């Protein structure tokens, strides 16, 4: 019975955290660029249009980060 090699698991965890950090940095950059507070617009004012745009941004940036990490 072979032992499970830890290196691929560690790499997956590191790249996952790296992707999450990059995604959060991108979100905060967009938050600073836009004139309105996007989170406040979505949560308090129930602005569906801003929520859809924010979701599209997060999905798009996630795909770019994933492609960059996996090569």
Protein backbone atom coordinates (compact mmCIF):
# COMPACT_ATOMS: atom_id res chain seq x y z
CA UNK A 1 0.00 0.00 0.00
CA UNK A 2 1.51 3.25 -1.13
CA UNK A 3 1.61 6.29 1.05
CA UNK A 4 -0.18 9.37 -0.16
CA UNK A 5 2.30 11.96 -1.34
CA UNK A 6 1.72 15.24 0.45
CA UNK A 7 3.34 17.53 -2.13
CA UNK A 8 0.33 17.70 -4.55
CA UNK A 9 -2.03 18.35 -1.64
CA UNK A 10 0.21 21.10 -0.26
CA UNK A 11 0.51 22.65 -3.72
CA UNK A 12 -3.27 22.66 -4.14
CA UNK A 13 -3.76 24.35 -0.78
CA UNK A 14 -1.10 26.98 -1.49
CA UNK A 15 -2.48 27.76 -4.94
CA UNK A 16 -6.02 27.93 -3.57
CA UNK A 17 -5.04 30.47 -0.94
CA UNK A 18 -3.00 32.39 -3.50
CA UNK A 19 -6.00 32.55 -5.84
CA UNK A 20 -8.31 33.71 -3.05
CA UNK A 21 -5.86 36.44 -2.01
CA UNK A 22 -5.49 37.67 -5.59
CA UNK A 23 -9.28 37.66 -6.02
CA UNK A 24 -9.75 39.70 -2.82
CA UNK A 25 -7.09 42.18 -3.93
CA UNK A 26 -8.90 42.58 -7.26
CA UNK A 27 -12.22 43.09 -5.48
CA UNK A 28 -10.78 45.77 -3.19
CA UNK A 29 -9.21 47.55 -6.17
CA UNK A 30 -12.60 47.63 -7.92
CA UNK A 31 -14.20 48.77 -4.65
CA UNK A 32 -11.81 51.73 -4.50
CA UNK A 33 -12.25 52.62 -8.19
CA UNK A 34 -16.06 52.65 -8.21
CA UNK A 35 -17.80 55.71 -6.76
CA UNK A 36 -20.36 53.70 -4.78
CA UNK A 37 -19.79 51.08 -2.11
CA UNK A 38 -20.74 47.92 -4.02
CA UNK A 39 -21.33 45.80 -0.94
CA UNK A 40 -23.65 48.42 0.54
CA UNK A 41 -25.52 48.68 -2.77
CA UNK A 42 -26.07 44.92 -2.91
CA UNK A 43 -26.87 44.20 0.73
CA UNK A 44 -28.70 47.28 2.00
CA UNK A 45 -30.28 48.70 -1.15
CA UNK A 46 -30.94 45.30 -2.81
CA UNK A 47 -29.53 46.50 -6.13
CA UNK A 48 -29.77 43.39 -8.34
CA UNK A 49 -27.94 45.01 -11.27
CA UNK A 50 -24.86 45.72 -9.17
CA UNK A 51 -25.02 42.19 -7.75
CA UNK A 52 -25.02 40.70 -11.26
CA UNK A 53 -22.11 42.87 -12.39
CA UNK A 54 -20.16 42.02 -9.23
CA UNK A 55 -20.84 38.29 -9.71
CA UNK A 56 -19.67 38.50 -13.34
CA UNK A 57 -16.52 40.31 -12.21
CA UNK A 58 -15.75 37.67 -9.58
CA UNK A 59 -16.32 34.79 -12.01
CA UNK A 60 -14.22 36.46 -14.71
CA UNK A 61 -11.31 37.25 -12.41
CA UNK A 62 -11.49 33.73 -10.94
CA UNK A 63 -11.20 32.20 -14.41
CA UNK A 64 -8.22 34.40 -15.23
CA UNK A 65 -6.49 33.52 -11.94
CA UNK A 66 -7.19 29.82 -12.45
CA UNK A 67 -5.74 29.88 -15.97
CA UNK A 68 -2.68 31.80 -14.79
CA UNK A 69 -2.00 29.41 -11.90
CA UNK A 70 -2.54 26.20 -13.85
CA UNK A 71 -0.67 27.45 -16.88
